Amino acid sequence: MKKILLSVVALGALTSNIYADEISDLKAQLEALNKKVKKLEKNQKRTKKTLNKVKAHDAFDNVKFGIDLRAAADVLDYKDNETGTTASNHDLYSSRLYLTMKSSPMAGLTFNGKLAVYSVWGTELIVDDKPLKEWSASSKPGDTILRVKEAYFVYTSELGEQPISFSIGRRPSTNGFLANYRENEETSGSPLAHITNMEVDAAMVKLDWSRFLFEGTYSKFIYGRAHKGETENVYGTGSSYGFSTPYAYTEGDDDPVDFFVFLGDAYNNGQHQIMYEWAHIFNTKGHNIADDTNAKAAGTADLYAISYKMEGVGDEISDFLDNTILFASIAGTYYNAKDGYTLLGSEDGGSESGYSYWVGALIPDMITEDGKFGFEYNHGSQYWTPMTWAEDTAIGSKIAVRGDAYEAYWNFNLFGVKYLPSQIRYTYVQHDYTPNLNCAGWVPSKEVDITSQDLRVSVSYRY
C-alpha cells in the first residue's frame, strides 16, 4: 500500500513538473509573441505616419480633375400672337462639356478652374461673324472651341480674430443661388441668380461674421469689369494722336463698363437660408441721342435682390416634407441715364425701374430614390432688366422675362446611377413687353404679345 501511495505521489509530482515546464514555455512564447506584436504595432504606426505625410504631400501637389458632360435635345416654339407669325425648331441637339480643376498647394490657398465647350450638333467652327463676348460665349450653345469659364484662386486667413478671404480671376458667377435646382446641380454659384447670371472677371474680399451674428453669415465685396471699352492692340492702325497707342483710350472711345457687387448670407442654419445682393454698374450701355448710336456709356444701373430657401419643411414630420425644398425671391432694377442718353427707352437723362418675383418648389418624385419634381414661376415688369445672359434656356432667359414664365422639371438619376444625372424640363414664357434676351439698355421696352416654349430632355455624366 505504501508503495502504491509513493508511486501516486511520485506520478503527481512528475505531472506537476511537466505542466509547470509547459506553462513556463507557454509564458515564454506569449512574451515573445507580445514583443513581436508591439514591434509590429510600432512599425505600423511609423508606416501610417509616413503614409499620412505622403497623402498630405500628394494632396497639396496634385490637381484634381473632374468631368461634366451633358447631351440635350430641345423642342422650341415661338409665336407672335398679334401677327400670327410662328417659328420653331423641333430637333435642336447640343453637347456641353466642363473640365473642372482644383488644387490646394498649401492650407488656406485653393485654385478652381473650369474649361467649357458648348456646341450645337452640326454647327460651324465659329457660330457668328460677330465676336462672342467672353462673359457669355461658354454659356450659350455654339461652336466647339474650348473656352475658360472659371479660373480663380481663393486665399483664406485671419486678420487678428477676423476671418478673411481674398480671390481674383474668372468668378463662379453662373447658376447661382436658386438657379442651380433647374440646372439639376446640387451646389450653386456665388451670386444670386435672380439678378446676376453671367461670367465675370473680378476681385473679391469676403468677411465672415459668424462670431458677431449667426453661424454661416458673411459678406462679399466684388469689383470687376464687364466691357473693356474700345481700344486697339499692338496690331492696330493707330489712333487720332497720329501714332500707335496700344490699349490706350482715345477721344470718342467707349469707356469700360465696371461693376461693384455686395452680396452674402444674412442667415443660414442649414434649413433656412436668406441671401442678399446689390450690384452697381458703371457706364452701362445705352443709346446716344445726339448721333443716334448704341453701345455708349449712357449712365448707371443698380440691381438688388433678396432670396430665401427652406430645405425641409417642418422638423421630421415626414420623409416627404424633410426632402421638400421651397424658395422665393424678390428683385428690382433701376437704370438711370445721363443727359443726352436714354436707357430702356427712357426720356433724355431719365430713369426706368423694374421689379420681379420668383417662387419655386421641389418635391420627392416618389418614383426614384433621389429624384425630384420641380415647379417654378417668374414674373417681371416692363423695365425689369437683370444681368442674366448665361441663363441656360434655349429660348432665352426666363428669369429676365417681362411677363410670366412657368416651368416644370423632373430631376433624376438615369438607371439609378448617381453619375448620370438627367432631366426632363418644360418652360413656357409669356412676353408682355419686349423680350429681354440680351439685357441691352439701348432697346426700348414696348408692349408685345409673344409666347415661347422649350421642351428639353438631357442626360449628364458627372465625375
Protein backbone atom coordinates (compact mmCIF):
# COMPACT_ATOMS: atom_id res chain seq x y z
CA MET A 1 0.00 0.00 0.00
CA LYS A 2 2.83 2.35 0.91
CA LYS A 3 4.46 1.57 -2.42
CA ILE A 4 1.26 2.43 -4.24
CA LEU A 5 0.93 5.76 -2.40
CA LEU A 6 4.55 6.60 -3.09
CA SER A 7 4.00 5.84 -6.76
CA VAL A 8 0.94 8.07 -6.90
CA VAL A 9 2.78 10.92 -5.18
CA ALA A 10 5.74 10.49 -7.50
CA LEU A 11 3.46 10.49 -10.56
CA GLY A 12 1.70 13.62 -9.35
CA ALA A 13 4.97 15.39 -8.76
CA LEU A 14 6.22 14.36 -12.18
CA THR A 15 2.99 15.56 -13.82
CA SER A 16 3.17 18.87 -11.96
CA ASN A 17 6.71 19.38 -13.13
CA ILE A 18 5.70 18.62 -16.70
CA TYR A 19 2.75 21.10 -16.54
CA ALA A 20 4.96 23.68 -14.88
CA ASP A 21 7.51 23.32 -17.66
CA GLU A 22 4.77 23.59 -20.31
CA ILE A 23 3.26 26.65 -18.65
CA SER A 24 6.70 28.21 -18.39
CA ASP A 25 7.33 27.54 -22.08
CA LEU A 26 3.88 28.91 -22.97
CA LYS A 27 4.56 32.08 -20.97
CA ALA A 28 7.87 32.50 -22.73
CA GLN A 29 6.17 32.06 -26.10
CA LEU A 30 3.44 34.53 -25.16
CA GLU A 31 6.00 37.09 -24.04
CA ALA A 32 7.93 36.63 -27.28
CA LEU A 33 4.70 36.95 -29.28
CA ASN A 34 3.71 40.04 -27.31
CA LYS A 35 7.07 41.64 -28.11
CA LYS A 36 6.57 40.86 -31.80
CA VAL A 37 3.04 42.35 -31.72
CA LYS A 38 4.31 45.50 -30.03
CA LYS A 39 7.08 45.75 -32.61
CA LEU A 40 4.55 45.30 -35.43
CA GLU A 41 2.25 47.94 -33.93
CA LYS A 42 5.19 50.31 -33.64
CA ASN A 43 6.16 49.67 -37.25
CA GLN A 44 2.52 50.08 -38.29
CA LYS A 45 2.33 53.47 -36.59
CA ARG A 46 5.51 54.53 -38.35
CA THR A 47 4.13 53.32 -41.69
CA LYS A 48 0.80 55.09 -41.09
CA LYS A 49 2.60 58.30 -40.17
CA THR A 50 4.70 58.08 -43.30
CA LEU A 51 1.62 57.37 -45.47
CA ASN A 52 -0.19 60.35 -43.95
CA LYS A 53 2.76 62.55 -44.82
CA VAL A 54 2.75 61.19 -48.38
CA LYS A 55 -1.02 61.68 -48.72
CA ALA A 56 -0.79 65.23 -47.37
CA HIS A 57 2.05 65.97 -49.74
CA ASP A 58 0.17 64.48 -52.68
CA ALA A 59 -2.98 66.38 -51.75
CA PHE A 60 -1.10 69.66 -51.98
CA ASP A 61 0.96 68.63 -55.01
CA ASN A 62 -1.78 67.32 -57.28
CA VAL A 63 -4.50 68.94 -59.37
CA LYS A 64 -7.84 67.16 -59.13
CA PHE A 65 -9.76 66.98 -62.39
CA GLY A 66 -13.47 66.41 -62.95
CA ILE A 67 -15.81 65.87 -65.89
CA ASP A 68 -19.32 67.17 -66.53
CA LEU A 69 -20.67 66.14 -69.94
CA ARG A 70 -24.28 66.89 -70.86
CA ALA A 71 -26.17 65.97 -74.01
CA ALA A 72 -29.54 67.65 -74.58
CA ALA A 73 -32.36 67.69 -77.09
CA ASP A 74 -34.68 70.74 -77.25
CA VAL A 75 -38.01 71.34 -78.94
CA LEU A 76 -38.57 75.09 -79.43
CA ASP A 77 -41.68 77.04 -80.47
CA TYR A 78 -42.29 80.80 -80.80
CA LYS A 79 -45.41 82.77 -81.68
CA ASP A 80 -46.24 86.44 -82.08
CA ASN A 81 -49.90 86.42 -81.08
CA GLU A 82 -50.51 89.87 -82.60
CA THR A 83 -49.33 88.98 -86.12
CA GLY A 84 -49.73 85.19 -86.02
CA THR A 85 -46.09 84.69 -87.03
CA THR A 86 -44.56 81.46 -85.75
CA ALA A 87 -41.12 79.87 -85.67
CA SER A 88 -39.87 76.52 -84.37
CA ASN A 89 -37.03 74.04 -84.13
CA HIS A 90 -38.07 70.56 -83.07
CA ASP A 91 -34.66 68.91 -83.17
CA LEU A 92 -32.04 71.15 -81.56
CA TYR A 93 -29.26 68.90 -80.24
CA SER A 94 -26.39 70.19 -78.12
CA SER A 95 -23.43 68.93 -76.10
CA ARG A 96 -21.82 70.74 -73.20
CA LEU A 97 -18.52 69.63 -71.66
CA TYR A 98 -16.99 71.05 -68.50
CA LEU A 99 -13.46 70.10 -67.47
CA THR A 100 -13.06 71.12 -63.84
CA MET A 101 -9.80 71.62 -61.96
CA LYS A 102 -8.96 72.09 -58.29
CA SER A 103 -5.71 72.27 -56.36
CA SER A 104 -4.51 73.33 -52.92
CA PRO A 105 -0.72 73.83 -52.71
CA MET A 106 -0.97 74.88 -49.07
CA ALA A 107 -3.50 75.22 -46.28
CA GLY A 108 -5.78 78.20 -46.94
CA LEU A 109 -4.95 78.55 -50.65
CA THR A 110 -7.01 76.90 -53.39
CA PHE A 111 -7.36 77.19 -57.16
CA ASN A 112 -10.53 76.37 -59.08
CA GLY A 113 -10.90 76.24 -62.84
CA LYS A 114 -13.47 75.19 -65.41
CA LEU A 115 -12.97 74.88 -69.17
CA ALA A 116 -16.09 74.67 -71.30
CA VAL A 117 -17.19 73.52 -74.74
CA TYR A 118 -20.85 74.16 -75.53
CA SER A 119 -21.74 73.18 -79.08
CA VAL A 120 -24.77 72.65 -81.27
CA TRP A 121 -24.61 69.42 -83.25
CA GLY A 122 -23.60 70.11 -86.83
CA THR A 123 -22.58 73.72 -86.20
CA GLU A 124 -19.76 75.62 -87.89
CA LEU A 125 -16.47 76.07 -86.04
CA ILE A 126 -17.31 79.71 -85.29
CA VAL A 127 -21.01 80.41 -84.90
CA ASP A 128 -21.09 84.04 -85.97
CA ASP A 129 -19.07 86.65 -87.81
CA LYS A 130 -19.53 88.88 -84.77
CA PRO A 131 -17.12 88.20 -81.91
CA LEU A 132 -18.70 86.49 -78.92
CA LYS A 133 -18.49 88.28 -75.58
CA GLU A 134 -16.13 86.43 -73.27
CA TRP A 135 -18.66 86.51 -70.44
CA SER A 136 -21.30 84.62 -72.44
CA ALA A 137 -19.52 82.54 -75.08
CA SER A 138 -19.18 79.39 -72.97
CA SER A 139 -22.74 79.68 -71.63
CA LYS A 140 -24.53 79.67 -74.98
CA PRO A 141 -24.62 76.72 -77.39
CA GLY A 142 -22.48 77.46 -80.42
CA ASP A 143 -19.21 76.07 -81.71
CA THR A 144 -16.66 73.51 -80.47
CA ILE A 145 -13.98 75.90 -79.19
CA LEU A 146 -12.69 75.25 -75.66
CA ARG A 147 -13.09 78.38 -73.52
CA VAL A 148 -12.31 79.44 -69.97
CA LYS A 149 -15.50 79.53 -67.91
CA GLU A 150 -13.93 79.78 -64.44
CA ALA A 151 -10.37 80.35 -63.26
CA TYR A 152 -9.74 81.89 -59.85
CA PHE A 153 -7.84 81.36 -56.63
CA VAL A 154 -9.01 81.89 -53.05
CA TYR A 155 -6.72 82.67 -50.12
CA THR A 156 -8.21 82.39 -46.63
CA SER A 157 -6.56 83.70 -43.48
CA GLU A 158 -7.27 85.83 -40.41
CA LEU A 159 -6.68 89.46 -39.53
CA GLY A 160 -6.37 89.17 -35.80
CA GLU A 161 -9.53 87.26 -34.91
CA GLN A 162 -11.36 88.26 -38.10
CA PRO A 163 -11.58 85.53 -40.81
CA ILE A 164 -10.98 86.97 -44.28
CA SER A 165 -10.73 85.59 -47.81
CA PHE A 166 -9.31 87.14 -50.97
CA SER A 167 -9.90 85.96 -54.53
CA ILE A 168 -9.25 87.13 -58.08
CA GLY A 169 -9.99 85.76 -61.55
CA ARG A 170 -12.94 84.49 -63.59
CA ARG A 171 -15.63 84.08 -60.93
CA PRO A 172 -18.09 81.15 -60.39
CA SER A 173 -20.93 83.52 -61.25
CA THR A 174 -23.32 81.37 -63.29
CA ASN A 175 -26.06 79.05 -62.00
CA GLY A 176 -26.05 80.95 -58.72
CA PHE A 177 -28.36 80.70 -55.70
CA LEU A 178 -31.73 79.12 -56.64
CA ALA A 179 -30.92 78.63 -60.35
CA ASN A 180 -28.88 75.50 -59.60
CA TYR A 181 -32.07 73.49 -58.98
CA ARG A 182 -33.41 73.97 -62.50
CA GLU A 183 -29.94 73.04 -63.75
CA ASN A 184 -30.02 69.82 -61.69
CA GLU A 185 -26.91 70.84 -59.74
CA GLU A 186 -26.57 70.25 -56.00
CA THR A 187 -24.40 73.31 -55.30
CA SER A 188 -24.90 76.86 -56.55
CA GLY A 189 -22.53 79.52 -57.84
CA SER A 190 -21.62 82.61 -55.87
CA PRO A 191 -24.17 85.34 -56.78
CA LEU A 192 -27.95 85.45 -56.61
CA ALA A 193 -29.10 84.18 -60.00
CA HIS A 194 -32.15 86.44 -59.87
CA ILE A 195 -30.04 89.45 -60.90
CA THR A 196 -26.63 88.01 -61.87
CA ASN A 197 -26.04 85.00 -64.11
CA MET A 198 -23.06 85.68 -66.34
CA GLU A 199 -19.33 85.06 -66.36
CA VAL A 200 -17.33 87.92 -64.87
CA ASP A 201 -13.69 88.76 -64.20
CA ALA A 202 -13.34 90.34 -60.78
CA ALA A 203 -11.54 90.58 -57.45
CA MET A 204 -13.32 89.59 -54.24
CA VAL A 205 -12.90 90.11 -50.50
CA LYS A 206 -15.01 88.01 -48.13
CA LEU A 207 -15.57 88.73 -44.44
CA ASP A 208 -17.06 86.12 -42.12
CA TRP A 209 -19.49 87.48 -39.49
CA SER A 210 -20.17 84.23 -37.59
CA ARG A 211 -18.53 85.42 -34.38
CA PHE A 212 -20.71 88.55 -34.34
CA LEU A 213 -24.03 87.39 -35.82
CA PHE A 214 -25.32 83.96 -36.89
CA GLU A 215 -23.43 80.84 -37.89
CA GLY A 216 -22.52 80.96 -41.59
CA THR A 217 -23.18 84.69 -42.12
CA TYR A 218 -20.74 86.52 -44.38
CA SER A 219 -20.39 89.36 -46.88
CA LYS A 220 -18.52 89.57 -50.19
CA PHE A 221 -17.24 92.75 -51.82
CA ILE A 222 -16.57 92.30 -55.54
CA TYR A 223 -15.20 94.68 -58.16
CA GLY A 224 -14.84 93.69 -61.80
CA ARG A 225 -15.17 94.60 -65.47
CA ALA A 226 -17.79 93.50 -68.00
CA HIS A 227 -16.66 95.55 -71.05
CA LYS A 228 -13.11 96.74 -71.61
CA GLY A 229 -14.03 99.79 -73.68
CA GLU A 230 -12.80 100.39 -77.21
CA THR A 231 -9.01 100.14 -77.60
CA GLU A 232 -6.62 98.91 -80.29
CA ASN A 233 -3.89 96.38 -79.64
CA VAL A 234 -0.32 96.43 -80.95
CA TYR A 235 -1.58 95.44 -84.40
CA GLY A 236 -3.94 98.40 -84.61
CA THR A 237 -3.81 101.04 -87.31
CA GLY A 238 -3.01 103.92 -84.99
CA SER A 239 -5.10 106.49 -83.17
CA SER A 240 -6.30 110.05 -83.51
CA TYR A 241 -2.99 111.18 -81.97
CA GLY A 242 -1.13 110.28 -85.18
CA PHE A 243 0.91 107.47 -83.65
CA SER A 244 0.26 103.99 -82.29
CA THR A 245 -1.18 103.87 -78.77
CA PRO A 246 -1.77 100.17 -77.96
CA TYR A 247 -4.55 99.55 -75.42
CA ALA A 248 -4.95 103.25 -74.60
CA TYR A 249 -8.27 105.09 -74.79
CA THR A 250 -8.60 107.94 -77.23
CA GLU A 251 -11.22 110.62 -77.57
CA GLY A 252 -14.55 109.21 -78.69
CA ASP A 253 -13.87 105.68 -77.43
CA ASP A 254 -16.35 103.89 -75.19
CA ASP A 255 -15.48 103.87 -71.51
CA PRO A 256 -15.08 100.48 -69.80
CA VAL A 257 -18.13 99.07 -68.03
CA ASP A 258 -17.16 98.19 -64.46
CA PHE A 259 -19.34 96.89 -61.65
CA PHE A 260 -19.39 96.61 -57.87
CA VAL A 261 -21.29 93.84 -56.10
CA PHE A 262 -22.14 93.44 -52.43
CA LEU A 263 -23.66 90.08 -51.51
CA GLY A 264 -23.77 87.50 -48.76
CA ASP A 265 -25.66 85.30 -46.34
CA ALA A 266 -27.87 87.13 -43.85
CA TYR A 267 -28.95 83.90 -42.16
CA ASN A 268 -28.21 80.23 -42.73
CA ASN A 269 -28.89 77.48 -40.19
CA GLY A 270 -28.85 74.65 -42.70
CA GLN A 271 -32.62 74.58 -43.14
CA HIS A 272 -33.44 78.27 -43.63
CA GLN A 273 -31.18 80.48 -45.75
CA ILE A 274 -31.55 84.16 -46.64
CA MET A 275 -29.19 85.78 -49.14
CA TYR A 276 -28.93 89.36 -50.39
CA GLU A 277 -27.19 91.15 -53.26
CA TRP A 278 -26.79 94.65 -54.58
CA ALA A 279 -24.92 95.37 -57.81
CA HIS A 280 -23.97 98.76 -59.23
CA ILE A 281 -22.92 99.05 -62.88
CA PHE A 282 -20.83 102.00 -64.01
CA ASN A 283 -21.14 103.31 -67.59
CA THR A 284 -23.83 100.85 -68.61
CA LYS A 285 -24.62 100.64 -72.31
CA GLY A 286 -27.48 102.69 -73.72
CA HIS A 287 -28.46 105.00 -76.58
CA ASN A 288 -26.79 108.25 -77.59
CA ILE A 289 -29.48 110.71 -78.71
CA ALA A 290 -27.12 113.13 -80.50
CA ASP A 291 -25.66 110.72 -83.06
CA ASP A 292 -28.36 108.01 -82.79
CA THR A 293 -25.88 105.27 -81.91
CA ASN A 294 -25.81 102.46 -79.38
CA ALA A 295 -23.25 100.85 -77.05
CA LYS A 296 -22.21 104.09 -75.40
CA ALA A 297 -21.57 104.79 -71.74
CA ALA A 298 -25.08 106.02 -71.10
CA GLY A 299 -25.46 106.01 -67.33
CA THR A 300 -25.62 103.67 -64.36
CA ALA A 301 -27.68 100.69 -63.26
CA ASP A 302 -28.49 99.30 -59.84
CA LEU A 303 -29.78 95.79 -59.24
CA TYR A 304 -30.86 94.29 -55.93
CA ALA A 305 -32.39 91.03 -54.68
CA ILE A 306 -33.30 89.13 -51.52
CA SER A 307 -33.70 85.37 -51.85
CA TYR A 308 -34.96 82.79 -49.35
CA LYS A 309 -34.72 78.99 -49.33
CA MET A 310 -36.25 76.41 -46.97
CA GLU A 311 -34.66 72.97 -47.27
CA GLY A 312 -37.01 70.62 -45.44
CA VAL A 313 -40.50 71.64 -44.28
CA GLY A 314 -41.03 71.33 -40.54
CA ASP A 315 -38.94 69.14 -38.27
CA GLU A 316 -39.03 65.43 -39.13
CA ILE A 317 -42.78 65.45 -39.81
CA SER A 318 -42.34 63.01 -42.69
CA ASP A 319 -39.67 61.89 -45.15
CA PHE A 320 -41.60 63.64 -47.93
CA LEU A 321 -41.55 67.03 -46.19
CA ASP A 322 -37.96 66.53 -45.00
CA ASN A 323 -36.90 66.26 -48.65
CA THR A 324 -39.06 69.12 -49.93
CA ILE A 325 -37.43 72.45 -50.90
CA LEU A 326 -39.30 75.75 -51.12
CA PHE A 327 -37.87 79.10 -52.23
CA ALA A 328 -38.89 82.65 -53.05
CA SER A 329 -37.04 85.73 -54.29
CA ILE A 330 -37.83 89.38 -54.97
CA ALA A 331 -35.63 91.69 -57.04
CA GLY A 332 -35.54 95.08 -58.71
CA THR A 333 -33.55 97.08 -61.26
CA TYR A 334 -33.03 100.84 -61.66
CA TYR A 335 -31.46 102.28 -64.85
CA ASN A 336 -30.50 105.96 -64.69
CA ALA A 337 -29.41 107.63 -67.96
CA LYS A 338 -27.02 110.57 -68.29
CA ASP A 339 -28.08 113.75 -70.05
CA GLY A 340 -28.05 113.16 -73.79
CA TYR A 341 -28.67 109.42 -73.41
CA THR A 342 -31.59 107.08 -72.91
CA LEU A 343 -31.84 103.69 -71.21
CA LEU A 344 -34.61 101.18 -71.99
CA GLY A 345 -36.46 103.88 -73.93
CA SER A 346 -36.47 106.45 -71.12
CA GLU A 347 -36.69 110.19 -71.67
CA ASP A 348 -33.45 112.14 -72.20
CA GLY A 349 -31.46 111.68 -68.99
CA GLY A 350 -34.38 109.87 -67.38
CA SER A 351 -34.62 106.61 -65.46
CA GLU A 352 -36.66 103.41 -65.53
CA SER A 353 -37.36 100.94 -62.72
CA GLY A 354 -38.42 97.31 -62.87
CA TYR A 355 -39.20 94.52 -60.47
CA SER A 356 -39.55 90.74 -60.44
CA TYR A 357 -40.55 87.89 -58.16
CA TRP A 358 -39.68 84.21 -58.42
CA VAL A 359 -41.06 81.24 -56.47
CA GLY A 360 -40.34 77.55 -56.69
CA ALA A 361 -40.77 74.15 -55.06
CA LEU A 362 -39.03 70.80 -55.35
CA ILE A 363 -40.68 67.65 -54.03
CA PRO A 364 -39.61 63.97 -53.98
CA ASP A 365 -40.81 62.20 -57.12
CA MET A 366 -41.84 59.07 -55.16
CA ILE A 367 -40.60 57.06 -58.16
CA THR A 368 -36.81 57.04 -57.89
CA GLU A 369 -34.54 57.07 -54.86
CA ASP A 370 -33.25 60.65 -55.14
CA GLY A 371 -35.41 62.14 -57.92
CA LYS A 372 -37.38 65.37 -57.54
CA PHE A 373 -40.14 67.20 -59.36
CA GLY A 374 -39.57 70.97 -59.61
CA PHE A 375 -42.05 73.77 -60.28
CA GLU A 376 -41.13 77.45 -60.78
CA TYR A 377 -42.90 80.70 -61.62
CA ASN A 378 -41.36 84.04 -62.62
CA HIS A 379 -42.96 87.44 -63.16
CA GLY A 380 -41.26 90.60 -64.38
CA SER A 381 -42.47 94.15 -65.05
CA GLN A 382 -41.97 96.25 -68.18
CA TYR A 383 -38.49 97.55 -67.33
CA TRP A 384 -37.18 94.55 -65.39
CA THR A 385 -33.60 94.11 -66.72
CA PRO A 386 -31.22 91.80 -64.78
CA MET A 387 -27.80 90.59 -65.94
CA THR A 388 -28.70 87.03 -66.90
CA TRP A 389 -27.06 86.33 -70.27
CA ALA A 390 -25.87 82.94 -69.04
CA GLU A 391 -29.37 81.65 -68.31
CA ASP A 392 -29.36 78.13 -69.69
CA THR A 393 -32.65 78.09 -71.58
CA ALA A 394 -32.54 77.83 -75.35
CA ILE A 395 -35.43 80.31 -75.71
CA GLY A 396 -33.59 82.94 -73.63
CA SER A 397 -33.54 83.96 -70.00
CA LYS A 398 -36.81 83.00 -68.33
CA ILE A 399 -35.62 84.76 -65.14
CA ALA A 400 -35.42 88.02 -67.12
CA VAL A 401 -38.97 87.68 -68.51
CA ARG A 402 -41.07 90.82 -68.77
CA GLY A 403 -44.31 88.99 -68.27
CA ASP A 404 -44.74 85.47 -66.88
CA ALA A 405 -42.75 82.25 -67.07
CA TYR A 406 -43.89 78.80 -65.97
CA GLU A 407 -41.52 75.88 -65.62
CA ALA A 408 -41.74 72.23 -64.53
CA TYR A 409 -38.94 69.66 -64.48
CA TRP A 410 -38.02 66.19 -63.29
CA ASN A 411 -34.51 65.66 -61.96
CA PHE A 412 -33.48 62.02 -61.64
CA ASN A 413 -30.50 59.68 -61.93
CA LEU A 414 -30.67 57.59 -65.09
CA PHE A 415 -30.81 53.85 -64.25
CA GLY A 416 -30.38 54.91 -60.62
CA VAL A 417 -26.70 55.77 -61.24
CA LYS A 418 -25.62 58.89 -59.36
CA TYR A 419 -23.01 59.69 -62.03
CA LEU A 420 -25.78 60.03 -64.67
CA PRO A 421 -27.98 62.94 -63.50
CA SER A 422 -30.75 63.56 -66.03
CA GLN A 423 -33.61 65.95 -66.57
CA ILE A 424 -36.88 66.45 -68.44
CA ARG A 425 -37.86 70.14 -68.38
CA TYR A 426 -40.64 72.23 -69.90
CA THR A 427 -40.55 76.05 -69.97
CA TYR A 428 -43.40 78.31 -71.12
CA VAL A 429 -42.86 82.08 -71.37
CA GLN A 430 -45.40 84.84 -71.99
CA HIS A 431 -43.67 88.10 -73.02
CA ASP A 432 -45.89 91.12 -72.31
CA TYR A 433 -43.09 93.52 -73.24
CA THR A 434 -40.03 93.44 -75.50
CA PRO A 435 -38.20 90.15 -74.72
CA ASN A 436 -35.17 90.81 -72.54
CA LEU A 437 -32.85 88.44 -74.39
CA ASN A 438 -29.51 90.22 -74.01
CA CYS A 439 -30.21 92.87 -71.35
CA ALA A 440 -29.47 95.67 -73.81
CA GLY A 441 -30.05 99.10 -72.29
CA TRP A 442 -30.43 100.74 -75.69
CA VAL A 443 -33.53 98.67 -76.62
CA PRO A 444 -36.83 100.36 -75.63
CA SER A 445 -39.28 98.11 -73.78
CA LYS A 446 -42.64 98.16 -75.57
CA GLU A 447 -45.85 96.17 -75.28
CA VAL A 448 -45.88 92.86 -77.18
CA ASP A 449 -47.74 89.54 -77.03
CA ILE A 450 -45.17 86.83 -77.71
CA THR A 451 -45.04 83.29 -76.36
CA SER A 452 -42.16 80.82 -76.40
CA GLN A 453 -41.79 77.21 -75.31
CA ASP A 454 -38.87 74.89 -74.69
CA LEU A 455 -39.13 71.15 -74.01
CA ARG A 456 -35.73 69.73 -73.07
CA VAL A 457 -34.51 66.22 -72.38
CA SER A 458 -30.93 65.89 -71.15
CA VAL A 459 -28.56 63.35 -69.63
CA SER A 460 -25.21 64.12 -67.99
CA TYR A 461 -22.12 62.28 -66.89
CA ARG A 462 -20.50 63.85 -63.82
CA TYR A 463 -17.41 62.55 -62.09
